[in-house]
Amino acid sequence: MSYVALMGVSEHRSVGRALSSNLKRVVASRYLWIVPVAGIAPMVAETITGQFMVYYLETGLHSGTATAGTVSSLFLFLGFIGGLVGGACSSRGPGGRWAHS
C-alpha cells in the first residue's frame, strides 16, 4: 500500500469509530434477531414432522407403509410450495422487489 501526503489536507480516521457504533446498533436491533428465529422455527418444525410423521402414521395410526410415506412426502411438498408462494407475496409487499412496478 502506498500513501500520498497532501499539503494542507488533514487526515480523518473516525471511520472505524462510526463503523463500530453502527455495527453495535445493528446487532442490538430487535428485528435483526426476530427474522432469523422466525425463519428457523418453520424449518425445525418441518424437519421434525418430516422425520417422525412416517413413524407415527405406521405405529400410532396403524396405516400402511406406502400411505405413511405418501402423506409425509405430501406434507413436505406442500411446505415447499408454501415457501415459494410466501416468498413471492413478500417480494410484492411494501418495499419489495416489485413494489414500484
Protein backbone atom coordinates (compact mmCIF):
# COMPACT_ATOMS: atom_id res chain seq x y z
CA MET A 1 0.00 0.00 0.00
CA SER A 2 1.26 3.45 -0.78
CA TYR A 3 0.23 6.63 0.99
CA VAL A 4 0.16 10.08 -0.54
CA ALA A 5 0.55 13.12 1.69
CA LEU A 6 -1.03 16.33 0.50
CA MET A 7 -0.06 19.75 1.81
CA GLY A 8 -2.80 21.34 3.89
CA VAL A 9 -5.11 18.30 3.83
CA SER A 10 -5.91 16.82 7.19
CA GLU A 11 -6.45 13.10 7.56
CA HIS A 12 -9.55 11.82 9.36
CA ARG A 13 -9.61 8.40 10.99
CA SER A 14 -13.08 8.40 12.54
CA VAL A 15 -14.40 5.79 10.10
CA GLY A 16 -13.53 2.97 12.49
CA ARG A 17 -15.50 4.52 15.35
CA ALA A 18 -18.52 5.16 13.15
CA LEU A 19 -18.36 1.62 11.82
CA SER A 20 -18.18 0.06 15.27
CA SER A 21 -21.06 2.18 16.60
CA ASN A 22 -23.17 1.34 13.55
CA LEU A 23 -22.34 -2.33 13.94
CA LYS A 24 -23.35 -2.26 17.60
CA ARG A 25 -26.62 -0.56 16.68
CA VAL A 26 -27.42 -3.16 14.03
CA VAL A 27 -26.56 -6.15 16.24
CA ALA A 28 -28.62 -4.69 19.11
CA SER A 29 -31.65 -4.31 16.84
CA ARG A 30 -34.56 -6.48 17.92
CA TYR A 31 -35.71 -7.01 14.34
CA LEU A 32 -32.36 -8.47 13.37
CA TRP A 33 -32.95 -11.36 15.77
CA ILE A 34 -36.70 -11.83 15.14
CA VAL A 35 -36.28 -12.58 11.44
CA PRO A 36 -33.78 -15.48 11.80
CA VAL A 37 -35.73 -17.06 14.65
CA ALA A 38 -38.95 -16.76 12.67
CA GLY A 39 -37.20 -18.32 9.69
CA ILE A 40 -35.60 -21.18 11.59
CA ALA A 41 -38.73 -22.22 13.53
CA PRO A 42 -40.67 -23.49 10.47
CA MET A 43 -37.59 -25.31 9.19
CA VAL A 44 -37.19 -27.13 12.50
CA ALA A 45 -40.89 -27.98 12.62
CA GLU A 46 -40.81 -29.25 9.03
CA THR A 47 -37.74 -31.39 9.69
CA ILE A 48 -39.16 -32.94 12.86
CA THR A 49 -42.53 -33.55 11.28
CA GLY A 50 -40.97 -34.99 8.14
CA GLN A 51 -38.83 -37.40 10.13
CA PHE A 52 -41.41 -38.60 12.63
CA MET A 53 -44.65 -38.46 10.65
CA VAL A 54 -43.98 -41.77 8.88
CA TYR A 55 -43.17 -43.45 12.20
CA TYR A 56 -46.30 -42.07 13.86
CA LEU A 57 -48.59 -42.99 10.97
CA GLU A 58 -47.26 -46.54 10.88
CA THR A 59 -47.16 -47.24 14.62
CA GLY A 60 -49.75 -44.88 16.11
CA LEU A 61 -52.43 -44.95 13.43
CA HIS A 62 -51.53 -48.39 12.00
CA SER A 63 -51.55 -47.23 8.40
CA GLY A 64 -49.59 -48.90 5.63
CA THR A 65 -46.02 -48.01 4.73
CA ALA A 66 -46.98 -46.60 1.33
CA THR A 67 -49.75 -44.46 2.81
CA ALA A 68 -47.48 -43.13 5.57
CA GLY A 69 -44.73 -42.27 3.07
CA THR A 70 -47.19 -40.56 0.72
CA VAL A 71 -48.74 -38.44 3.48
CA SER A 72 -45.32 -37.45 4.81
CA SER A 73 -43.98 -36.51 1.38
CA LEU A 74 -47.18 -34.57 0.63
CA PHE A 75 -46.70 -32.57 3.83
CA LEU A 76 -43.12 -31.68 2.89
CA PHE A 77 -44.08 -30.88 -0.72
CA LEU A 78 -46.85 -28.51 0.43
CA GLY A 79 -44.33 -26.81 2.73
CA PHE A 80 -42.04 -26.25 -0.24
CA ILE A 81 -44.88 -24.78 -2.32
CA GLY A 82 -45.89 -22.58 0.63
CA GLY A 83 -42.33 -21.26 0.83
CA LEU A 84 -42.39 -20.27 -2.83
CA VAL A 85 -45.80 -18.59 -2.51
CA GLY A 86 -44.75 -16.80 0.69
CA GLY A 87 -41.56 -15.55 -0.96
CA ALA A 88 -43.48 -14.21 -3.94
CA CYS A 89 -46.01 -12.49 -1.67
CA SER A 90 -43.32 -10.89 0.49
CA SER A 91 -41.46 -9.64 -2.58
CA ARG A 92 -44.59 -7.89 -3.82
CA GLY A 93 -45.36 -6.20 -0.50
CA PRO A 94 -44.31 -2.70 0.58
CA GLY A 95 -40.61 -2.25 -0.07
CA GLY A 96 -40.38 -5.49 -2.03
CA ARG A 97 -38.67 -6.01 -5.34
CA TRP A 98 -41.87 -5.50 -7.37
CA ALA A 99 -43.35 -2.76 -5.19
CA HIS A 100 -42.66 0.02 -7.70
CA SER A 101 -43.74 -1.73 -10.90
